[in-house]
Amino acid sequence: MMVDMSGELLVQRLHVDLRRQASALCRR
């Protein structure tokens, strides 16, 4: 359970980073 939760958090963080990079590229 703990591993799954940490995995989900990691995925969420990755998604946030990707969205940030995408928005930065779009602004460019």
N, C-alpha and C. Protein backbone atom coordinates (compact mmCIF):
# COMPACT_ATOMS: atom_id res chain seq x y z
N MET A 1 0.86 -1.20 0.00
CA MET A 1 0.00 0.00 0.00
C MET A 1 0.89 1.25 0.00
N MET A 2 1.85 1.28 0.91
CA MET A 2 2.72 2.46 0.98
C MET A 2 3.46 2.66 -0.34
N VAL A 3 3.94 1.55 -0.90
CA VAL A 3 4.67 1.65 -2.17
C VAL A 3 3.76 2.22 -3.25
N ASP A 4 2.50 1.73 -3.29
CA ASP A 4 1.56 2.22 -4.31
C ASP A 4 1.34 3.72 -4.14
N MET A 5 1.13 4.14 -2.88
CA MET A 5 0.89 5.57 -2.63
C MET A 5 2.08 6.40 -3.09
N SER A 6 3.28 5.98 -2.73
CA SER A 6 4.48 6.73 -3.12
C SER A 6 4.58 6.75 -4.64
N GLY A 7 4.27 5.63 -5.27
CA GLY A 7 4.32 5.58 -6.74
C GLY A 7 3.36 6.58 -7.34
N GLU A 8 2.15 6.64 -6.79
CA GLU A 8 1.16 7.60 -7.32
C GLU A 8 1.67 9.02 -7.17
N LEU A 9 2.27 9.31 -6.02
CA LEU A 9 2.79 10.67 -5.79
C LEU A 9 3.88 10.98 -6.81
N LEU A 10 4.74 9.99 -7.07
CA LEU A 10 5.81 10.20 -8.05
C LEU A 10 5.22 10.51 -9.42
N VAL A 11 4.21 9.73 -9.80
CA VAL A 11 3.57 9.95 -11.11
C VAL A 11 2.97 11.34 -11.15
N GLN A 12 2.30 11.73 -10.07
CA GLN A 12 1.68 13.08 -10.04
C GLN A 12 2.75 14.14 -10.21
N ARG A 13 3.85 13.98 -9.51
CA ARG A 13 4.94 14.97 -9.60
C ARG A 13 5.46 15.03 -11.03
N LEU A 14 5.63 13.85 -11.65
CA LEU A 14 6.12 13.82 -13.03
C LEU A 14 5.15 14.55 -13.94
N HIS A 15 3.85 14.29 -13.75
CA HIS A 15 2.85 14.94 -14.60
C HIS A 15 2.93 16.45 -14.43
N VAL A 16 3.07 16.90 -13.20
CA VAL A 16 3.15 18.35 -12.94
C VAL A 16 4.37 18.93 -13.65
N ASP A 17 5.50 18.25 -13.53
CA ASP A 17 6.72 18.74 -14.20
C ASP A 17 6.51 18.81 -15.70
N LEU A 18 5.91 17.75 -16.27
CA LEU A 18 5.68 17.73 -17.72
C LEU A 18 4.77 18.89 -18.12
N ARG A 19 3.73 19.12 -17.34
CA ARG A 19 2.79 20.21 -17.66
C ARG A 19 3.52 21.54 -17.58
N ARG A 20 4.38 21.69 -16.60
CA ARG A 20 5.14 22.96 -16.46
C ARG A 20 6.02 23.16 -17.68
N GLN A 21 6.73 22.11 -18.08
CA GLN A 21 7.62 22.22 -19.25
C GLN A 21 6.80 22.53 -20.49
N ALA A 22 5.67 21.86 -20.65
CA ALA A 22 4.82 22.08 -21.83
C ALA A 22 4.35 23.53 -21.86
N SER A 23 3.90 24.04 -20.71
CA SER A 23 3.42 25.43 -20.67
C SER A 23 4.57 26.38 -21.00
N ALA A 24 5.75 26.10 -20.50
CA ALA A 24 6.91 26.95 -20.77
C ALA A 24 7.21 26.95 -22.27
N LEU A 25 7.17 25.77 -22.89
CA LEU A 25 7.44 25.68 -24.33
C LEU A 25 6.37 26.44 -25.11
N CYS A 26 5.12 26.31 -24.68
CA CYS A 26 4.02 27.00 -25.39
C CYS A 26 4.24 28.50 -25.28
N ARG A 27 4.60 28.98 -24.09
CA ARG A 27 4.81 30.42 -23.90
C ARG A 27 5.92 30.90 -24.83
N ARG A 28 6.94 30.05 -25.02
CA ARG A 28 8.03 30.41 -25.92
C ARG A 28 7.42 30.61 -27.29
